[in-house]
Amino acid sequence: MVRNPAHLRRILTSCLVYYHRMRCHVSLDKDASDGRPVQAVKAGNVVAFPRVGGVHHRYQRIAA
């Protein structure tokens, strides 16, 4: 639920940042625009970072 124009701007900015920087793109060989290195299994446990109000997530390995 959008509360006011400022809240709507924050939601839309969050969506655009996710789409342009974090979302996987087929044209980039299924990589994100902000490329990130493949993390080794030994790097730690996988942790989900919610994006776009929890609709999408970014996963990253974090050392235990």
PDB file of N, CA and C in Angstrom:
ATOM      1  N   MET A   1       0.836  -1.171   0.000  1.00  0.00           N
ATOM      2  CA  MET A   1       0.000   0.000   0.000  1.00  0.00           C
ATOM      3  C   MET A   1       0.892   1.250   0.000  1.00  0.00           C
ATOM      4  N   VAL A   2       0.670   2.081  -0.964  1.00  0.00           N
ATOM      5  CA  VAL A   2       1.441   3.316  -1.088  1.00  0.00           C
ATOM      6  C   VAL A   2       0.818   4.371  -0.191  1.00  0.00           C
ATOM      7  N   ARG A   3       1.645   4.992   0.654  1.00  0.00           N
ATOM      8  CA  ARG A   3       1.140   5.938   1.648  1.00  0.00           C
ATOM      9  C   ARG A   3       1.103   7.380   1.161  1.00  0.00           C
ATOM     10  N   ASN A   4       2.108   7.759   0.361  1.00  0.00           N
ATOM     11  CA  ASN A   4       2.174   9.142  -0.119  1.00  0.00           C
ATOM     12  C   ASN A   4       3.150   9.193  -1.291  1.00  0.00           C
ATOM     13  N   PRO A   5       3.269  10.334  -1.964  1.00  0.00           N
ATOM     14  CA  PRO A   5       4.164  10.422  -3.128  1.00  0.00           C
ATOM     15  C   PRO A   5       5.621  10.083  -2.808  1.00  0.00           C
ATOM     16  N   ALA A   6       6.113  10.475  -1.651  1.00  0.00           N
ATOM     17  CA  ALA A   6       7.504  10.169  -1.288  1.00  0.00           C
ATOM     18  C   ALA A   6       7.696   8.667  -1.131  1.00  0.00           C
ATOM     19  N   HIS A   7       6.716   7.997  -0.559  1.00  0.00           N
ATOM     20  CA  HIS A   7       6.783   6.546  -0.394  1.00  0.00           C
ATOM     21  C   HIS A   7       6.777   5.859  -1.768  1.00  0.00           C
ATOM     22  N   LEU A   8       5.943   6.338  -2.670  1.00  0.00           N
ATOM     23  CA  LEU A   8       5.900   5.793  -4.029  1.00  0.00           C
ATOM     24  C   LEU A   8       7.254   5.956  -4.721  1.00  0.00           C
ATOM     25  N   ARG A   9       7.901   7.108  -4.558  1.00  0.00           N
ATOM     26  CA  ARG A   9       9.228   7.325  -5.152  1.00  0.00           C
ATOM     27  C   ARG A   9      10.249   6.319  -4.615  1.00  0.00           C
ATOM     28  N   ARG A  10      10.206   6.063  -3.297  1.00  0.00           N
ATOM     29  CA  ARG A  10      11.129   5.087  -2.703  1.00  0.00           C
ATOM     30  C   ARG A  10      10.891   3.692  -3.275  1.00  0.00           C
ATOM     31  N   ILE A  11       9.632   3.307  -3.429  1.00  0.00           N
ATOM     32  CA  ILE A  11       9.302   1.995  -3.988  1.00  0.00           C
ATOM     33  C   ILE A  11       9.803   1.890  -5.422  1.00  0.00           C
ATOM     34  N   LEU A  12       9.517   2.901  -6.240  1.00  0.00           N
ATOM     35  CA  LEU A  12       9.935   2.869  -7.639  1.00  0.00           C
ATOM     36  C   LEU A  12      11.452   2.893  -7.776  1.00  0.00           C
ATOM     37  N   THR A  13      12.127   3.668  -6.945  1.00  0.00           N
ATOM     38  CA  THR A  13      13.596   3.700  -6.969  1.00  0.00           C
ATOM     39  C   THR A  13      14.152   2.340  -6.619  1.00  0.00           C
ATOM     40  N   SER A  14      13.585   1.695  -5.620  1.00  0.00           N
ATOM     41  CA  SER A  14      14.018   0.359  -5.217  1.00  0.00           C
ATOM     42  C   SER A  14      13.849  -0.637  -6.377  1.00  0.00           C
ATOM     43  N   CYS A  15      12.720  -0.561  -7.067  1.00  0.00           N
ATOM     44  CA  CYS A  15      12.471  -1.452  -8.217  1.00  0.00           C
ATOM     45  C   CYS A  15      13.485  -1.211  -9.330  1.00  0.00           C
ATOM     46  N   LEU A  16      13.744   0.044  -9.643  1.00  0.00           N
ATOM     47  CA  LEU A  16      14.676   0.370 -10.717  1.00  0.00           C
ATOM     48  C   LEU A  16      16.100  -0.054 -10.379  1.00  0.00           C
ATOM     49  N   VAL A  17      16.527   0.161  -9.138  1.00  0.00           N
ATOM     50  CA  VAL A  17      17.870  -0.255  -8.717  1.00  0.00           C
ATOM     51  C   VAL A  17      17.990  -1.767  -8.836  1.00  0.00           C
ATOM     52  N   TYR A  18      16.987  -2.499  -8.376  1.00  0.00           N
ATOM     53  CA  TYR A  18      17.010  -3.958  -8.487  1.00  0.00           C
ATOM     54  C   TYR A  18      17.089  -4.377  -9.954  1.00  0.00           C
ATOM     55  N   TYR A  19      16.233  -3.813 -10.790  1.00  0.00           N
ATOM     56  CA  TYR A  19      16.157  -4.214 -12.195  1.00  0.00           C
ATOM     57  C   TYR A  19      17.464  -3.931 -12.934  1.00  0.00           C
ATOM     58  N   HIS A  20      18.037  -2.759 -12.728  1.00  0.00           N
ATOM     59  CA  HIS A  20      19.209  -2.369 -13.495  1.00  0.00           C
ATOM     60  C   HIS A  20      20.533  -2.849 -12.916  1.00  0.00           C
ATOM     61  N   ARG A  21      20.594  -3.132 -11.624  1.00  0.00           N
ATOM     62  CA  ARG A  21      21.872  -3.494 -11.017  1.00  0.00           C
ATOM     63  C   ARG A  21      21.959  -4.935 -10.527  1.00  0.00           C
ATOM     64  N   MET A  22      20.846  -5.531 -10.086  1.00  0.00           N
ATOM     65  CA  MET A  22      20.935  -6.833  -9.434  1.00  0.00           C
ATOM     66  C   MET A  22      20.260  -7.965 -10.187  1.00  0.00           C
ATOM     67  N   ARG A  23      19.274  -7.655 -10.996  1.00  0.00           N
ATOM     68  CA  ARG A  23      18.522  -8.684 -11.705  1.00  0.00           C
ATOM     69  C   ARG A  23      19.385  -9.343 -12.770  1.00  0.00           C
ATOM     70  N   CYS A  24      19.242 -10.655 -12.901  1.00  0.00           N
ATOM     71  CA  CYS A  24      19.976 -11.384 -13.938  1.00  0.00           C
ATOM     72  C   CYS A  24      19.378 -11.057 -15.303  1.00  0.00           C
ATOM     73  N   HIS A  25      20.249 -10.854 -16.281  1.00  0.00           N
ATOM     74  CA  HIS A  25      19.821 -10.545 -17.645  1.00  0.00           C
ATOM     75  C   HIS A  25      20.366 -11.605 -18.596  1.00  0.00           C
ATOM     76  N   VAL A  26      19.514 -12.136 -19.456  1.00  0.00           N
ATOM     77  CA  VAL A  26      19.921 -13.152 -20.420  1.00  0.00           C
ATOM     78  C   VAL A  26      21.004 -12.593 -21.345  1.00  0.00           C
ATOM     79  N   SER A  27      20.881 -11.334 -21.749  1.00  0.00           N
ATOM     80  CA  SER A  27      21.860 -10.745 -22.666  1.00  0.00           C
ATOM     81  C   SER A  27      23.243 -10.616 -22.035  1.00  0.00           C
ATOM     82  N   LEU A  28      23.325 -10.696 -20.714  1.00  0.00           N
ATOM     83  CA  LEU A  28      24.615 -10.635 -20.017  1.00  0.00           C
ATOM     84  C   LEU A  28      25.051 -12.032 -19.573  1.00  0.00           C
ATOM     85  N   ASP A  29      24.566 -13.044 -20.282  1.00  0.00           N
ATOM     86  CA  ASP A  29      24.880 -14.442 -19.958  1.00  0.00           C
ATOM     87  C   ASP A  29      24.416 -14.775 -18.542  1.00  0.00           C
ATOM     88  N   LYS A  30      23.217 -14.331 -18.235  1.00  0.00           N
ATOM     89  CA  LYS A  30      22.556 -14.560 -16.947  1.00  0.00           C
ATOM     90  C   LYS A  30      23.333 -13.989 -15.764  1.00  0.00           C
ATOM     91  N   ASP A  31      23.993 -12.865 -15.987  1.00  0.00           N
ATOM     92  CA  ASP A  31      24.686 -12.162 -14.910  1.00  0.00           C
ATOM     93  C   ASP A  31      23.965 -10.839 -14.671  1.00  0.00           C
ATOM     94  N   ALA A  32      24.238 -10.231 -13.560  1.00  0.00           N
ATOM     95  CA  ALA A  32      23.644  -8.933 -13.248  1.00  0.00           C
ATOM     96  C   ALA A  32      24.525  -7.826 -13.819  1.00  0.00           C
ATOM     97  N   SER A  33      23.945  -6.668 -13.992  1.00  0.00           N
ATOM     98  CA  SER A  33      24.717  -5.532 -14.502  1.00  0.00           C
ATOM     99  C   SER A  33      25.886  -5.207 -13.584  1.00  0.00           C
ATOM    100  N   ASP A  34      25.658  -5.269 -12.279  1.00  0.00           N
ATOM    101  CA  ASP A  34      26.747  -5.164 -11.305  1.00  0.00           C
ATOM    102  C   ASP A  34      27.294  -6.577 -11.149  1.00  0.00           C
ATOM    103  N   GLY A  35      28.208  -6.947 -12.013  1.00  0.00           N
ATOM    104  CA  GLY A  35      28.741  -8.310 -11.961  1.00  0.00           C
ATOM    105  C   GLY A  35      29.333  -8.623 -10.604  1.00  0.00           C
ATOM    106  N   ARG A  36      29.251  -9.859 -10.228  1.00  0.00           N
ATOM    107  CA  ARG A  36      29.832 -10.273  -8.957  1.00  0.00           C
ATOM    108  C   ARG A  36      30.527 -11.613  -9.160  1.00  0.00           C
ATOM    109  N   PRO A  37      31.627 -11.843  -8.476  1.00  0.00           N
ATOM    110  CA  PRO A  37      32.358 -13.092  -8.667  1.00  0.00           C
ATOM    111  C   PRO A  37      31.596 -14.279  -8.085  1.00  0.00           C
ATOM    112  N   VAL A  38      31.860 -15.444  -8.619  1.00  0.00           N
ATOM    113  CA  VAL A  38      31.288 -16.679  -8.081  1.00  0.00           C
ATOM    114  C   VAL A  38      31.950 -16.940  -6.744  1.00  0.00           C
ATOM    115  N   GLN A  39      31.151 -17.242  -5.741  1.00  0.00           N
ATOM    116  CA  GLN A  39      31.683 -17.467  -4.402  1.00  0.00           C
ATOM    117  C   GLN A  39      31.826 -18.972  -4.153  1.00  0.00           C
ATOM    118  N   ALA A  40      32.940 -19.348  -3.591  1.00  0.00           N
ATOM    119  CA  ALA A  40      33.196 -20.757  -3.302  1.00  0.00           C
ATOM    120  C   ALA A  40      32.287 -21.231  -2.170  1.00  0.00           C
ATOM    121  N   VAL A  41      31.997 -22.525  -2.171  1.00  0.00           N
ATOM    122  CA  VAL A  41      31.157 -23.111  -1.131  1.00  0.00           C
ATOM    123  C   VAL A  41      31.777 -22.886   0.246  1.00  0.00           C
ATOM    124  N   LYS A  42      33.101 -22.868   0.311  1.00  0.00           N
ATOM    125  CA  LYS A  42      33.810 -22.672   1.575  1.00  0.00           C
ATOM    126  C   LYS A  42      33.652 -21.252   2.123  1.00  0.00           C
ATOM    127  N   ALA A  43      33.117 -20.347   1.324  1.00  0.00           N
ATOM    128  CA  ALA A  43      33.008 -18.946   1.734  1.00  0.00           C
ATOM    129  C   ALA A  43      32.010 -18.734   2.864  1.00  0.00           C
ATOM    130  N   GLY A  44      31.147 -19.701   3.129  1.00  0.00           N
ATOM    131  CA  GLY A  44      30.203 -19.573   4.236  1.00  0.00           C
ATOM    132  C   GLY A  44      28.796 -19.951   3.849  1.00  0.00           C
ATOM    133  N   ASN A  45      27.867 -19.631   4.733  1.00  0.00           N
ATOM    134  CA  ASN A  45      26.458 -19.956   4.519  1.00  0.00           C
ATOM    135  C   ASN A  45      25.804 -18.945   3.588  1.00  0.00           C
ATOM    136  N   VAL A  46      24.783 -19.406   2.871  1.00  0.00           N
ATOM    137  CA  VAL A  46      24.038 -18.530   1.975  1.00  0.00           C
ATOM    138  C   VAL A  46      23.019 -17.746   2.801  1.00  0.00           C
ATOM    139  N   VAL A  47      23.012 -16.435   2.602  1.00  0.00           N
ATOM    140  CA  VAL A  47      22.082 -15.550   3.310  1.00  0.00           C
ATOM    141  C   VAL A  47      21.289 -14.773   2.268  1.00  0.00           C
ATOM    142  N   ALA A  48      19.980 -14.650   2.501  1.00  0.00           N
ATOM    143  CA  ALA A  48      19.112 -13.902   1.590  1.00  0.00           C
ATOM    144  C   ALA A  48      18.989 -12.463   2.068  1.00  0.00           C
ATOM    145  N   PHE A  49      19.165 -11.532   1.141  1.00  0.00           N
ATOM    146  CA  PHE A  49      18.989 -10.115   1.422  1.00  0.00           C
ATOM    147  C   PHE A  49      17.755  -9.643   0.659  1.00  0.00           C
ATOM    148  N   PRO A  50      16.669  -9.303   1.362  1.00  0.00           N
ATOM    149  CA  PRO A  50      15.449  -8.886   0.670  1.00  0.00           C
ATOM    150  C   PRO A  50      15.642  -7.591  -0.115  1.00  0.00           C
ATOM    151  N   ARG A  51      15.043  -7.546  -1.275  1.00  0.00           N
ATOM    152  CA  ARG A  51      15.054  -6.370  -2.138  1.00  0.00           C
ATOM    153  C   ARG A  51      13.631  -6.096  -2.583  1.00  0.00           C
ATOM    154  N   VAL A  52      13.360  -4.886  -2.961  1.00  0.00           N
ATOM    155  CA  VAL A  52      12.050  -4.459  -3.467  1.00  0.00           C
ATOM    156  C   VAL A  52      10.954  -4.866  -2.471  1.00  0.00           C
ATOM    157  N   GLY A  53      11.144  -4.508  -1.215  1.00  0.00           N
ATOM    158  CA  GLY A  53      10.143  -4.791  -0.195  1.00  0.00           C
ATOM    159  C   GLY A  53       9.949  -6.273   0.091  1.00  0.00           C
ATOM    160  N   GLY A  54      10.956  -7.086  -0.182  1.00  0.00           N
ATOM    161  CA  GLY A  54      10.868  -8.523   0.079  1.00  0.00           C
ATOM    162  C   GLY A  54      10.320  -9.327  -1.078  1.00  0.00           C
ATOM    163  N   VAL A  55       9.968  -8.666  -2.183  1.00  0.00           N
ATOM    164  CA  VAL A  55       9.435  -9.378  -3.349  1.00  0.00           C
ATOM    165  C   VAL A  55      10.546 -10.183  -4.021  1.00  0.00           C
ATOM    166  N   HIS A  56      11.749  -9.636  -4.064  1.00  0.00           N
ATOM    167  CA  HIS A  56      12.919 -10.304  -4.631  1.00  0.00           C
ATOM    168  C   HIS A  56      13.997 -10.385  -3.560  1.00  0.00           C
ATOM    169  N   HIS A  57      14.949 -11.272  -3.778  1.00  0.00           N
ATOM    170  CA  HIS A  57      16.054 -11.421  -2.836  1.00  0.00           C
ATOM    171  C   HIS A  57      17.372 -11.507  -3.592  1.00  0.00           C
ATOM    172  N   ARG A  58      18.424 -11.076  -2.933  1.00  0.00           N
ATOM    173  CA  ARG A  58      19.779 -11.262  -3.446  1.00  0.00           C
ATOM    174  C   ARG A  58      20.468 -12.206  -2.470  1.00  0.00           C
ATOM    175  N   TYR A  59      21.106 -13.228  -2.992  1.00  0.00           N
ATOM    176  CA  TYR A  59      21.738 -14.246  -2.159  1.00  0.00           C
ATOM    177  C   TYR A  59      23.244 -14.098  -2.196  1.00  0.00           C
ATOM    178  N   GLN A  60      23.852 -14.243  -1.032  1.00  0.00           N
ATOM    179  CA  GLN A  60      25.294 -14.085  -0.931  1.00  0.00           C
ATOM    180  C   GLN A  60      25.798 -14.998   0.173  1.00  0.00           C
ATOM    181  N   ARG A  61      27.019 -15.488   0.005  1.00  0.00           N
ATOM    182  CA  ARG A  61      27.635 -16.305   1.044  1.00  0.00           C
ATOM    183  C   ARG A  61      28.320 -15.391   2.054  1.00  0.00           C
ATOM    184  N   ILE A  62      28.079 -15.666   3.322  1.00  0.00           N
ATOM    185  CA  ILE A  62      28.645 -14.889   4.420  1.00  0.00           C
ATOM    186  C   ILE A  62      29.434 -15.847   5.316  1.00  0.00           C
ATOM    187  N   ALA A  63      30.659 -15.461   5.661  1.00  0.00           N
ATOM    188  CA  ALA A  63      31.478 -16.302   6.534  1.00  0.00           C
ATOM    189  C   ALA A  63      30.792 -16.465   7.877  1.00  0.00           C
ATOM    190  N   ALA A  64      30.830 -17.669   8.386  1.00  0.00           N
ATOM    191  CA  ALA A  64      30.160 -17.969   9.671  1.00  0.00           C
ATOM    192  C   ALA A  64      30.889 -17.397  10.849  1.00  0.00           C
TER     193      ALA A  64
END
